[in-house]
Amino acid sequence: MIEVKLPKIREDVNESLVVIWFVSEGDAVKKGDPLLEIQTEKEVSEVEAEASGTVNEIIYKRGESAKVGEVLATINPAENAHETKPEEQKIVENTEPETQIPDDGQKPEEQKITEDTEQPKEASGQTGPAKTLRLAPGLRKLARELNVPLESIAGTGRNGKITEKDIRRVAGQTAAAEPAAKAEELQQEESAPEESTTDQAIDEAQTKEAPEKETTQKNTENEELPSEQPQEDLGQQEQASLAEQAEAILEPDENDRESDAVPFSGIRGVIAKRMTESLQNSAQLTETAWADVTKLHSKKDALGKEVGWTAVVAKAAAQALGNHPLVNAHIKEGQILPQEAINLGFAIDTDRGLQVAVLQEADKHSLGDLQKHLADLAEKARNGQLPNEQSSGSTFTITTLGAYRIQFFTPIINPPETAILGIGTIETYLALEGGKVQERKRLPLSLTIDHRAIDGAPAAKFLGDLIGLLEKPKQLFKDDEVMEKEKKKAEKKKEKKKDKKKSKKKKS
């Protein structure tokens, strides 16, 4: 018997959540086939079969949390497949269609009508097993809210995965197609008013042997009903069945839920554990201050709407950290370890919980590059596709609640770091300057430090330097010109190397 154990995906993660199983007990699998999807605080991964065989037992069900090394399932090797043949044969025999003629006294015509009425149910595919789709919980919820059938979505993400854009695209196409579909249905009804529905066919079968008068009365009653009603009822039934099928695929059975309680498992459990340890094992202090960003606001508008405030603050923080090594440090084994590289972490809100995406050597990027990297990191984090190098190794973290109209708050440090910066929402205010009232813009900043490593005064100096850069855009973007020149030089060098290679090939 082969044991499928939870692998060690990351050095700092010892527990994972079972998101979904792609196989069931009794299914045949080949080596390399994906068996299940697991989720940690940082990423989503697949566990593949190490050998061919038959799934014998699934130990950890969907939604349960397991530790590294624990057995998730067992597989009966392919060489022992003959042991399951009698059961498989029995299943095949039980699922073979019956060919005997039913002895219920039905006339052949009545039997044919009855069979015809069963065809829509068979065509809908409700009797077959539902196909399991790989989709993040948040995307599943979005598909349900937009009434998008999952089988109609073609994934454009990595390895064919479905993204939020795919769901919204299909939803938009469906909304645009509904008026045309309704018009087509009305046109078909007008061109074929005498066409009988499934319900009318059943009525005719039941009244075939009745007197003609009764049959006429029944047909008259049917004609009095609106002709659109049966089609609308069938459409509603189809939508309901699709919704039920999606619920069966994506959500656990209601009977399996004892309550609406959210367990501390998977990402939620990891977040709870890390935040509790952060507060219990450190001495956290938060300092707050306003930054006057009136000039920077005008400068940012000139740069373009695509540049966000998080990227601007990250640019200033990366510069300021170079002069404050204790703020850009780790605490490990009772020691303060200043970090040479400035790797900024960004707290990103996802459907699975808070995740920290990391941009390595942020001080070496221009503002435009920072914005591009941030957008890419946010998309990967929300799709659960952050690789290891982009989800670990941060030396200083930035979190923002500005989009939610929050001003000052107390962000919790991301261990083993010594500080974290919180960004609030920009507000307009009036200031008195030279006896005149002027309209200004200001940005609230909240800096939480670990008082074991940083005292209040050094932390205030770092915050002051950061604010100074935000209030002087020329100084903030001074090195961007240097970076652009260096990039152009590097590109020219690459072009020269390519030209040399091409000339060597021609000579040879």
Protein backbone atom coordinates (compact mmCIF):
# COMPACT_ATOMS: atom_id res chain seq x y z
CA MET A 1 0.00 0.00 0.00
CA ILE A 2 1.34 3.45 -1.01
CA GLU A 3 0.88 6.30 1.48
CA VAL A 4 0.20 9.80 0.15
CA LYS A 5 1.79 12.11 2.73
CA LEU A 6 1.57 15.87 3.08
CA PRO A 7 4.83 17.20 1.59
CA LYS A 8 7.06 19.91 3.04
CA ILE A 9 6.33 22.82 0.70
CA ARG A 10 8.02 25.64 2.59
CA GLU A 11 10.54 25.87 5.42
CA ASP A 12 8.23 28.01 7.59
CA VAL A 13 5.00 26.04 7.02
CA ASN A 14 4.21 22.82 8.90
CA GLU A 15 0.47 22.61 8.22
CA SER A 16 -1.78 22.75 5.15
CA LEU A 17 -5.49 22.74 4.42
CA VAL A 18 -7.09 20.22 2.06
CA VAL A 19 -8.93 22.43 -0.44
CA ILE A 20 -10.36 19.82 -2.80
CA TRP A 21 -9.85 16.21 -3.90
CA PHE A 22 -9.69 15.56 -7.63
CA VAL A 23 -10.25 11.84 -7.10
CA SER A 24 -12.54 9.62 -5.03
CA GLU A 25 -12.03 6.28 -3.32
CA GLY A 26 -11.91 3.52 -5.91
CA ASP A 27 -10.66 5.77 -8.73
CA ALA A 28 -7.75 4.57 -10.85
CA VAL A 29 -4.82 6.98 -11.04
CA LYS A 30 -1.56 7.14 -12.93
CA LYS A 31 1.81 8.33 -11.74
CA GLY A 32 1.92 12.13 -11.90
CA ASP A 33 -1.87 12.60 -11.82
CA PRO A 34 -3.02 15.42 -9.49
CA LEU A 35 -4.74 13.93 -6.45
CA LEU A 36 -5.68 16.96 -4.39
CA GLU A 37 -5.12 20.68 -3.87
CA ILE A 38 -3.68 21.95 -0.59
CA GLN A 39 -3.40 25.48 0.72
CA THR A 40 -1.05 27.23 3.12
CA GLU A 41 -0.92 30.83 4.28
CA LYS A 42 1.22 31.71 1.29
CA GLU A 43 0.15 29.59 -1.68
CA VAL A 44 -1.93 26.82 -3.21
CA SER A 45 -0.25 23.62 -4.42
CA GLU A 46 -1.18 20.26 -5.91
CA VAL A 47 -0.15 16.85 -4.63
CA GLU A 48 0.49 14.29 -7.37
CA ALA A 49 0.39 10.51 -7.32
CA GLU A 50 3.83 8.95 -6.89
CA ALA A 51 2.75 5.69 -8.51
CA SER A 52 -0.10 4.22 -10.53
CA GLY A 53 -2.88 2.33 -8.81
CA THR A 54 -6.31 2.67 -7.23
CA VAL A 55 -7.26 5.13 -4.49
CA ASN A 56 -7.91 2.90 -1.49
CA GLU A 57 -8.82 5.38 1.28
CA ILE A 58 -9.03 9.16 1.68
CA ILE A 59 -8.12 9.95 5.28
CA TYR A 60 -8.21 13.77 5.38
CA LYS A 61 -11.41 15.11 3.85
CA ARG A 62 -11.97 18.46 2.18
CA GLY A 63 -11.67 21.37 4.61
CA GLU A 64 -9.56 19.44 7.10
CA SER A 65 -6.06 20.48 8.13
CA ALA A 66 -3.06 18.15 8.18
CA LYS A 67 0.55 18.46 9.31
CA VAL A 68 3.63 17.76 7.22
CA GLY A 69 4.31 14.01 7.00
CA GLU A 70 0.80 12.91 7.89
CA VAL A 71 -0.91 10.41 5.57
CA LEU A 72 -3.61 12.05 3.47
CA ALA A 73 -4.67 8.93 1.56
CA THR A 74 -3.56 5.44 0.53
CA ILE A 75 -3.21 4.00 -2.95
CA ASN A 76 -3.38 0.34 -3.89
CA PRO A 77 -0.49 -0.21 -6.37
CA ALA A 78 -1.26 -1.08 -9.96
CA GLU A 79 0.18 -4.62 -9.58
CA ASN A 80 -2.55 -5.33 -7.02
CA ALA A 81 -5.30 -4.06 -9.26
CA HIS A 82 -6.63 -7.62 -9.83
CA GLU A 83 -7.82 -7.66 -6.24
CA THR A 84 -10.49 -5.09 -7.04
CA LYS A 85 -11.74 -6.67 -10.23
CA PRO A 86 -14.67 -8.58 -8.66
CA GLU A 87 -16.01 -5.38 -7.11
CA GLU A 88 -15.53 -3.48 -10.34
CA GLN A 89 -17.36 -6.23 -12.23
CA LYS A 90 -20.22 -6.03 -9.74
CA ILE A 91 -20.43 -2.27 -10.21
CA VAL A 92 -20.49 -2.69 -13.98
CA GLU A 93 -23.26 -5.28 -13.75
CA ASN A 94 -25.32 -3.03 -11.51
CA THR A 95 -24.92 -0.05 -13.80
CA GLU A 96 -25.83 -1.92 -17.05
CA PRO A 97 -29.11 -0.64 -18.52
CA GLU A 98 -32.09 -3.00 -18.25
CA THR A 99 -33.35 -4.21 -21.60
CA GLN A 100 -36.42 -6.09 -20.33
CA ILE A 101 -39.81 -4.88 -21.49
CA PRO A 102 -41.74 -3.56 -18.48
CA ASP A 103 -44.84 -5.55 -17.70
CA ASP A 104 -46.97 -2.69 -16.40
CA GLY A 105 -49.78 -2.85 -18.90
CA GLN A 106 -48.70 0.25 -20.74
CA LYS A 107 -49.49 0.47 -24.40
CA PRO A 108 -46.53 0.85 -26.76
CA GLU A 109 -47.54 4.42 -27.66
CA GLU A 110 -47.89 5.38 -23.98
CA GLN A 111 -44.51 3.81 -23.24
CA LYS A 112 -42.91 5.78 -26.08
CA ILE A 113 -44.41 9.07 -24.83
CA THR A 114 -43.22 8.32 -21.31
CA GLU A 115 -39.69 7.63 -22.59
CA ASP A 116 -39.72 10.89 -24.55
CA THR A 117 -40.64 12.83 -21.44
CA GLU A 118 -37.60 11.38 -19.65
CA GLN A 119 -35.14 12.48 -22.35
CA PRO A 120 -34.68 16.08 -21.13
CA LYS A 121 -33.70 14.79 -17.70
CA GLU A 122 -31.16 12.41 -19.19
CA ALA A 123 -29.83 15.06 -21.56
CA SER A 124 -29.28 17.46 -18.70
CA GLY A 125 -26.64 15.13 -17.31
CA GLN A 126 -28.00 15.18 -13.77
CA THR A 127 -27.79 11.42 -13.43
CA GLY A 128 -24.04 11.35 -14.08
CA PRO A 129 -21.33 12.26 -11.60
CA ALA A 130 -20.50 15.94 -11.34
CA LYS A 131 -17.13 16.94 -12.76
CA THR A 132 -14.83 18.48 -10.15
CA LEU A 133 -13.54 21.93 -11.05
CA ARG A 134 -10.45 23.50 -9.51
CA LEU A 135 -11.44 26.95 -8.31
CA ALA A 136 -10.54 29.17 -5.36
CA PRO A 137 -13.34 29.67 -2.81
CA GLY A 138 -13.65 33.39 -3.55
CA LEU A 139 -13.95 32.75 -7.29
CA ARG A 140 -16.57 30.08 -6.63
CA LYS A 141 -18.61 32.57 -4.63
CA LEU A 142 -18.30 35.16 -7.42
CA ALA A 143 -19.50 32.65 -10.02
CA ARG A 144 -22.55 31.85 -7.90
CA GLU A 145 -23.37 35.53 -7.35
CA LEU A 146 -23.15 36.27 -11.10
CA ASN A 147 -25.09 33.06 -11.99
CA VAL A 148 -22.27 31.84 -14.23
CA PRO A 149 -22.27 28.05 -14.89
CA LEU A 150 -18.79 26.79 -14.12
CA GLU A 151 -18.70 24.45 -17.11
CA SER A 152 -19.11 27.45 -19.43
CA ILE A 153 -15.92 29.17 -18.22
CA ALA A 154 -12.70 28.73 -20.18
CA GLY A 155 -9.73 29.46 -17.91
CA THR A 156 -7.03 31.79 -19.27
CA GLY A 157 -4.76 31.64 -16.22
CA ARG A 158 -1.66 29.54 -15.72
CA ASN A 159 -2.28 25.88 -16.58
CA GLY A 160 -5.80 26.77 -17.71
CA LYS A 161 -6.93 27.99 -14.28
CA ILE A 162 -10.03 30.15 -14.08
CA THR A 163 -9.45 33.76 -13.04
CA GLU A 164 -11.77 36.53 -11.90
CA LYS A 165 -11.59 38.14 -15.35
CA ASP A 166 -12.78 34.87 -16.94
CA ILE A 167 -15.86 34.74 -14.69
CA ARG A 168 -16.76 38.39 -15.27
CA ARG A 169 -16.23 37.99 -19.01
CA VAL A 170 -18.67 35.08 -19.19
CA ALA A 171 -21.12 36.97 -16.96
CA GLY A 172 -20.99 39.95 -19.31
CA GLN A 173 -21.55 37.73 -22.36
CA THR A 174 -24.49 36.03 -20.66
CA ALA A 175 -26.09 39.34 -19.73
CA ALA A 176 -25.71 40.59 -23.30
CA ALA A 177 -27.13 37.37 -24.75
CA GLU A 178 -30.26 37.24 -22.55
CA PRO A 179 -32.30 39.88 -24.46
CA ALA A 180 -31.47 38.25 -27.79
CA ALA A 181 -32.35 34.81 -26.44
CA LYS A 182 -35.72 36.01 -25.15
CA ALA A 183 -36.53 37.66 -28.49
CA GLU A 184 -35.65 34.44 -30.30
CA GLU A 185 -37.90 32.42 -27.98
CA LEU A 186 -40.85 34.77 -28.61
CA GLN A 187 -40.28 34.55 -32.36
CA GLN A 188 -40.23 30.75 -32.24
CA GLU A 189 -43.43 30.69 -30.19
CA GLU A 190 -45.20 32.97 -32.69
CA SER A 191 -44.05 30.90 -35.69
CA ALA A 192 -45.06 27.59 -34.09
CA PRO A 193 -48.03 28.26 -31.79
CA GLU A 194 -49.44 24.77 -32.12
CA GLU A 195 -46.27 23.06 -30.99
CA SER A 196 -47.01 20.89 -27.95
CA THR A 197 -44.93 21.02 -24.79
CA THR A 198 -43.73 18.13 -22.69
CA ASP A 199 -46.52 18.66 -20.17
CA GLN A 200 -49.13 18.64 -22.95
CA ALA A 201 -47.72 15.36 -24.31
CA ILE A 202 -48.16 13.73 -20.91
CA ASP A 203 -51.73 15.02 -20.68
CA GLU A 204 -52.52 13.57 -24.10
CA ALA A 205 -51.13 10.19 -23.08
CA GLN A 206 -53.25 10.13 -19.94
CA THR A 207 -56.46 11.12 -21.76
CA LYS A 208 -56.06 8.97 -24.86
CA GLU A 209 -58.67 6.39 -23.87
CA ALA A 210 -61.09 8.97 -22.38
CA PRO A 211 -64.22 10.13 -24.25
CA GLU A 212 -63.69 12.71 -26.94
CA LYS A 213 -65.69 15.28 -25.01
CA GLU A 214 -63.38 15.02 -22.02
CA THR A 215 -60.34 15.22 -24.28
CA THR A 216 -61.70 18.35 -25.94
CA GLN A 217 -62.33 19.92 -22.54
CA LYS A 218 -58.76 19.08 -21.43
CA ASN A 219 -57.26 20.61 -24.58
CA THR A 220 -59.38 23.73 -24.10
CA GLU A 221 -58.06 24.10 -20.56
CA ASN A 222 -54.51 23.75 -21.83
CA GLU A 223 -55.08 26.44 -24.47
CA GLU A 224 -56.28 28.86 -21.80
CA LEU A 225 -52.90 28.69 -20.06
CA PRO A 226 -50.19 31.16 -21.26
CA SER A 227 -48.02 29.45 -23.86
CA GLU A 228 -44.83 30.88 -22.30
CA GLN A 229 -45.40 29.35 -18.85
CA PRO A 230 -44.12 25.79 -19.54
CA GLN A 231 -40.94 27.12 -21.19
CA GLU A 232 -40.28 29.51 -18.33
CA ASP A 233 -40.82 26.71 -15.82
CA LEU A 234 -38.39 24.47 -17.68
CA GLY A 235 -35.80 27.28 -17.82
CA GLN A 236 -36.12 27.86 -14.10
CA GLN A 237 -35.77 24.14 -13.46
CA GLU A 238 -32.62 24.01 -15.56
CA GLN A 239 -31.13 26.99 -13.73
CA ALA A 240 -32.05 25.45 -10.39
CA SER A 241 -30.48 22.13 -11.34
CA LEU A 242 -27.28 23.86 -12.49
CA ALA A 243 -27.17 25.79 -9.23
CA GLU A 244 -27.66 22.59 -7.25
CA GLN A 245 -24.95 20.85 -9.25
CA ALA A 246 -22.52 23.75 -8.66
CA GLU A 247 -23.29 23.68 -4.95
CA ALA A 248 -22.67 19.93 -4.88
CA ILE A 249 -19.29 20.43 -6.59
CA LEU A 250 -18.08 23.44 -4.72
CA GLU A 251 -19.53 23.35 -1.23
CA PRO A 252 -19.70 20.61 1.42
CA ASP A 253 -23.07 19.08 2.21
CA GLU A 254 -25.14 21.07 4.70
CA ASN A 255 -25.56 17.91 6.76
CA ASP A 256 -21.80 17.88 7.32
CA ARG A 257 -21.94 21.31 8.97
CA GLU A 258 -22.82 21.30 12.61
CA SER A 259 -22.83 25.11 12.76
CA ASP A 260 -21.64 28.22 10.94
CA ALA A 261 -18.50 28.41 13.08
CA VAL A 262 -15.27 29.15 11.22
CA PRO A 263 -12.49 26.82 12.43
CA PHE A 264 -8.95 28.05 13.03
CA SER A 265 -7.49 25.84 10.30
CA GLY A 266 -5.62 26.38 7.04
CA ILE A 267 -4.78 30.00 6.26
CA ARG A 268 -7.10 31.34 8.97
CA GLY A 269 -5.36 29.17 11.53
CA VAL A 270 -1.88 30.20 10.39
CA ILE A 271 -2.83 33.90 10.49
CA ALA A 272 -4.32 33.51 13.97
CA LYS A 273 -1.24 31.71 15.22
CA ARG A 274 1.28 34.19 13.75
CA MET A 275 -0.57 37.29 14.91
CA THR A 276 -0.99 35.90 18.44
CA GLU A 277 2.69 34.96 18.62
CA SER A 278 3.65 38.40 17.28
CA LEU A 279 1.79 40.19 20.07
CA GLN A 280 2.80 37.75 22.81
CA ASN A 281 6.50 37.58 21.92
CA SER A 282 7.26 41.25 21.21
CA ALA A 283 6.84 44.71 22.75
CA GLN A 284 4.88 46.59 20.10
CA LEU A 285 4.50 50.35 20.03
CA THR A 286 2.73 52.42 17.34
CA GLU A 287 3.71 55.97 16.41
CA THR A 288 1.53 58.09 14.10
CA ALA A 289 2.08 61.25 12.07
CA TRP A 290 0.66 63.20 9.12
CA ALA A 291 2.61 63.71 5.90
CA ASP A 292 1.77 66.79 3.84
CA VAL A 293 1.57 65.39 0.30
CA THR A 294 0.17 68.46 -1.49
CA LYS A 295 3.12 68.75 -3.87
CA LEU A 296 3.40 64.99 -4.22
CA HIS A 297 -0.30 64.77 -5.07
CA SER A 298 0.21 67.12 -8.02
CA LYS A 299 3.36 65.28 -9.07
CA LYS A 300 1.59 61.93 -8.88
CA ASP A 301 -1.27 63.18 -11.08
CA ALA A 302 1.30 64.24 -13.66
CA LEU A 303 2.85 60.74 -13.58
CA GLY A 304 -0.50 59.13 -14.41
CA LYS A 305 -3.44 57.53 -12.64
CA GLU A 306 -1.87 54.09 -12.93
CA VAL A 307 0.66 54.97 -10.20
CA GLY A 308 -0.86 54.21 -6.78
CA TRP A 309 -0.05 55.68 -3.38
CA THR A 310 1.22 52.36 -2.08
CA ALA A 311 3.95 52.38 -4.74
CA VAL A 312 4.85 56.00 -3.90
CA VAL A 313 5.11 55.29 -0.16
CA ALA A 314 7.08 52.10 -0.90
CA LYS A 315 9.52 54.20 -2.94
CA ALA A 316 10.03 56.57 0.01
CA ALA A 317 10.25 53.75 2.57
CA ALA A 318 12.90 51.89 0.54
CA GLN A 319 15.06 55.03 0.48
CA ALA A 320 14.60 55.82 4.17
CA LEU A 321 15.33 52.26 5.33
CA GLY A 322 18.87 52.51 3.99
CA ASN A 323 19.70 54.95 6.80
CA HIS A 324 17.88 53.03 9.56
CA PRO A 325 19.22 49.46 9.74
CA LEU A 326 17.38 48.59 12.97
CA VAL A 327 14.03 49.24 11.27
CA ASN A 328 15.06 46.94 8.42
CA ALA A 329 16.01 44.03 10.67
CA HIS A 330 14.98 40.61 12.00
CA ILE A 331 14.89 39.30 15.56
CA LYS A 332 15.99 35.67 15.81
CA GLU A 333 17.21 33.61 18.74
CA GLY A 334 17.46 36.65 20.99
CA GLN A 335 19.52 38.67 18.51
CA ILE A 336 18.81 41.74 16.37
CA LEU A 337 19.98 41.02 12.84
CA PRO A 338 20.02 44.06 10.49
CA GLN A 339 19.37 42.98 6.89
CA GLU A 340 21.48 44.23 3.99
CA ALA A 341 18.80 43.76 1.34
CA ILE A 342 15.66 45.88 1.49
CA ASN A 343 12.89 43.40 0.69
CA LEU A 344 9.50 45.02 1.08
CA GLY A 345 6.50 42.91 2.05
CA PHE A 346 3.00 44.05 1.09
CA ALA A 347 -0.05 42.86 3.02
CA ILE A 348 -2.70 41.87 0.43
CA ASP A 349 -6.32 41.12 1.24
CA THR A 350 -7.49 37.97 -0.57
CA ASP A 351 -10.56 35.75 -0.41
CA ARG A 352 -8.49 33.21 1.53
CA GLY A 353 -7.24 35.74 4.07
CA LEU A 354 -4.37 38.17 4.49
CA GLN A 355 -1.20 37.31 2.55
CA VAL A 356 2.19 39.02 2.38
CA ALA A 357 3.72 39.34 -1.09
CA VAL A 358 7.42 40.24 -1.22
CA LEU A 359 9.34 42.45 -3.64
CA GLN A 360 13.05 41.69 -3.43
CA GLU A 361 15.51 44.63 -3.39
CA ALA A 362 12.78 47.24 -3.67
CA ASP A 363 15.29 50.08 -3.35
CA LYS A 364 16.71 49.21 -6.77
CA HIS A 365 13.42 49.80 -8.61
CA SER A 366 12.03 52.99 -10.10
CA LEU A 367 8.50 54.15 -9.29
CA GLY A 368 7.12 52.75 -12.53
CA ASP A 369 8.72 49.37 -11.90
CA LEU A 370 7.39 49.33 -8.33
CA GLN A 371 3.83 49.88 -9.58
CA LYS A 372 4.13 47.09 -12.16
CA HIS A 373 5.57 44.65 -9.62
CA LEU A 374 2.89 45.51 -7.06
CA ALA A 375 0.08 44.88 -9.54
CA ASP A 376 1.65 41.56 -10.52
CA LEU A 377 2.13 40.50 -6.89
CA ALA A 378 -1.47 41.39 -5.99
CA GLU A 379 -2.88 39.35 -8.87
CA LYS A 380 -0.73 36.32 -8.04
CA ALA A 381 -1.64 36.53 -4.34
CA ARG A 382 -5.37 36.65 -5.05
CA ASN A 383 -5.08 33.69 -7.44
CA GLY A 384 -2.93 31.70 -5.00
CA GLN A 385 0.01 31.64 -7.42
CA LEU A 386 2.78 33.35 -5.45
CA PRO A 387 6.08 31.45 -5.82
CA ASN A 388 8.32 30.97 -2.79
CA GLU A 389 10.67 33.87 -3.59
CA GLN A 390 7.70 36.27 -3.77
CA SER A 391 6.06 35.15 -0.53
CA SER A 392 8.97 35.00 1.93
CA GLY A 393 12.10 36.88 3.01
CA SER A 394 10.58 40.31 3.64
CA THR A 395 12.54 42.70 5.87
CA PHE A 396 9.91 45.46 6.27
CA THR A 397 6.17 45.27 5.61
CA ILE A 398 3.71 47.87 4.33
CA THR A 399 -0.06 47.57 4.78
CA THR A 400 -2.76 49.98 3.63
CA LEU A 401 -6.37 50.57 4.66
CA GLY A 402 -6.74 53.82 2.75
CA ALA A 403 -9.33 52.34 0.40
CA TYR A 404 -11.60 51.75 3.42
CA ARG A 405 -11.42 55.37 4.68
CA ILE A 406 -9.28 54.39 7.66
CA GLN A 407 -6.88 57.02 8.97
CA PHE A 408 -4.57 55.84 11.77
CA PHE A 409 -4.50 52.23 13.00
CA THR A 410 -2.18 49.81 14.79
CA PRO A 411 -0.73 47.31 12.31
CA ILE A 412 0.73 44.12 13.83
CA ILE A 413 4.37 43.29 13.06
CA ASN A 414 5.06 40.40 10.70
CA PRO A 415 7.63 38.22 12.56
CA PRO A 416 10.63 38.14 12.56
CA GLU A 417 10.63 41.76 11.36
CA THR A 418 11.06 44.69 13.72
CA ALA A 419 8.61 47.17 12.16
CA ILE A 420 5.57 47.58 9.91
CA LEU A 421 4.13 50.70 8.25
CA GLY A 422 0.39 51.39 7.91
CA ILE A 423 -1.02 53.76 5.25
CA GLY A 424 -4.37 55.50 5.78
CA THR A 425 -6.61 57.45 3.42
CA ILE A 426 -5.55 60.84 2.03
CA GLU A 427 -7.72 63.73 3.10
CA THR A 428 -8.11 67.38 2.17
CA TYR A 429 -7.74 69.96 4.93
CA LEU A 430 -7.39 73.71 5.33
CA ALA A 431 -4.18 75.27 6.64
CA LEU A 432 -3.34 78.84 7.59
CA GLU A 433 -0.15 80.02 5.86
CA GLY A 434 0.97 83.65 5.79
CA GLY A 435 -2.39 84.80 7.02
CA LYS A 436 -4.17 83.02 4.16
CA VAL A 437 -6.25 79.84 4.23
CA GLN A 438 -5.02 77.24 1.77
CA GLU A 439 -6.27 73.82 0.76
CA ARG A 440 -3.76 71.03 1.46
CA LYS A 441 -3.51 67.24 1.16
CA ARG A 442 -2.25 65.02 3.98
CA LEU A 443 -1.55 61.32 4.39
CA PRO A 444 -1.82 59.49 7.76
CA LEU A 445 1.02 57.06 8.57
CA SER A 446 1.15 54.50 11.39
CA LEU A 447 4.49 52.91 12.27
CA THR A 448 4.50 49.92 14.63
CA ILE A 449 7.90 48.94 16.04
CA ASP A 450 9.22 46.17 18.25
CA HIS A 451 10.41 48.12 21.28
CA ARG A 452 12.90 45.35 22.08
CA ALA A 453 14.93 46.38 19.04
CA ILE A 454 13.93 50.01 18.43
CA ASP A 455 13.33 52.80 20.89
CA GLY A 456 10.73 55.51 20.37
CA ALA A 457 13.18 58.25 19.31
CA PRO A 458 14.96 56.24 16.53
CA ALA A 459 11.58 55.12 15.25
CA ALA A 460 10.39 58.73 15.15
CA LYS A 461 13.52 59.71 13.20
CA PHE A 462 12.79 57.05 10.58
CA LEU A 463 9.19 58.21 10.31
CA GLY A 464 10.43 61.81 10.03
CA ASP A 465 12.82 60.91 7.19
CA LEU A 466 10.03 59.04 5.41
CA ILE A 467 7.69 62.03 5.71
CA GLY A 468 10.47 64.34 4.51
CA LEU A 469 10.80 62.34 1.28
CA LEU A 470 7.04 62.37 0.73
CA GLU A 471 6.93 66.14 1.21
CA LYS A 472 9.83 66.72 -1.25
CA PRO A 473 9.02 64.95 -4.54
CA LYS A 474 12.21 66.15 -6.26
CA GLN A 475 14.37 64.44 -3.68
CA LEU A 476 12.14 61.34 -3.73
CA PHE A 477 12.39 60.82 -7.48
CA LYS A 478 15.96 62.04 -7.86
CA ASP A 479 17.39 58.55 -8.22
CA ASP A 480 14.75 57.55 -10.79
CA GLU A 481 16.67 59.43 -13.47
CA VAL A 482 19.85 57.60 -12.51
CA MET A 483 18.02 54.28 -12.65
CA GLU A 484 16.63 55.04 -16.09
CA LYS A 485 20.11 55.92 -17.38
CA GLU A 486 21.52 52.69 -15.96
CA LYS A 487 18.74 50.72 -17.63
CA LYS A 488 19.45 52.30 -20.98
CA LYS A 489 23.16 51.51 -20.60
CA ALA A 490 22.36 47.90 -19.72
CA GLU A 491 20.05 47.61 -22.75
CA LYS A 492 22.75 49.03 -25.04
CA LYS A 493 25.26 46.51 -23.70
CA LYS A 494 22.84 43.66 -24.41
CA GLU A 495 22.28 44.93 -27.94
CA LYS A 496 26.04 45.15 -28.55
CA LYS A 497 26.51 41.57 -27.32
CA LYS A 498 23.75 40.37 -29.63
CA ASP A 499 25.31 42.21 -32.58
CA LYS A 500 28.70 40.63 -31.82
CA LYS A 501 27.17 37.15 -31.71
CA LYS A 502 25.39 37.73 -35.00
CA SER A 503 28.57 38.98 -36.68
CA LYS A 504 30.52 35.94 -35.41
CA LYS A 505 27.89 33.61 -36.82
CA LYS A 506 28.02 35.33 -40.21
CA LYS A 507 31.82 35.06 -40.34
CA SER A 508 31.71 31.40 -39.44
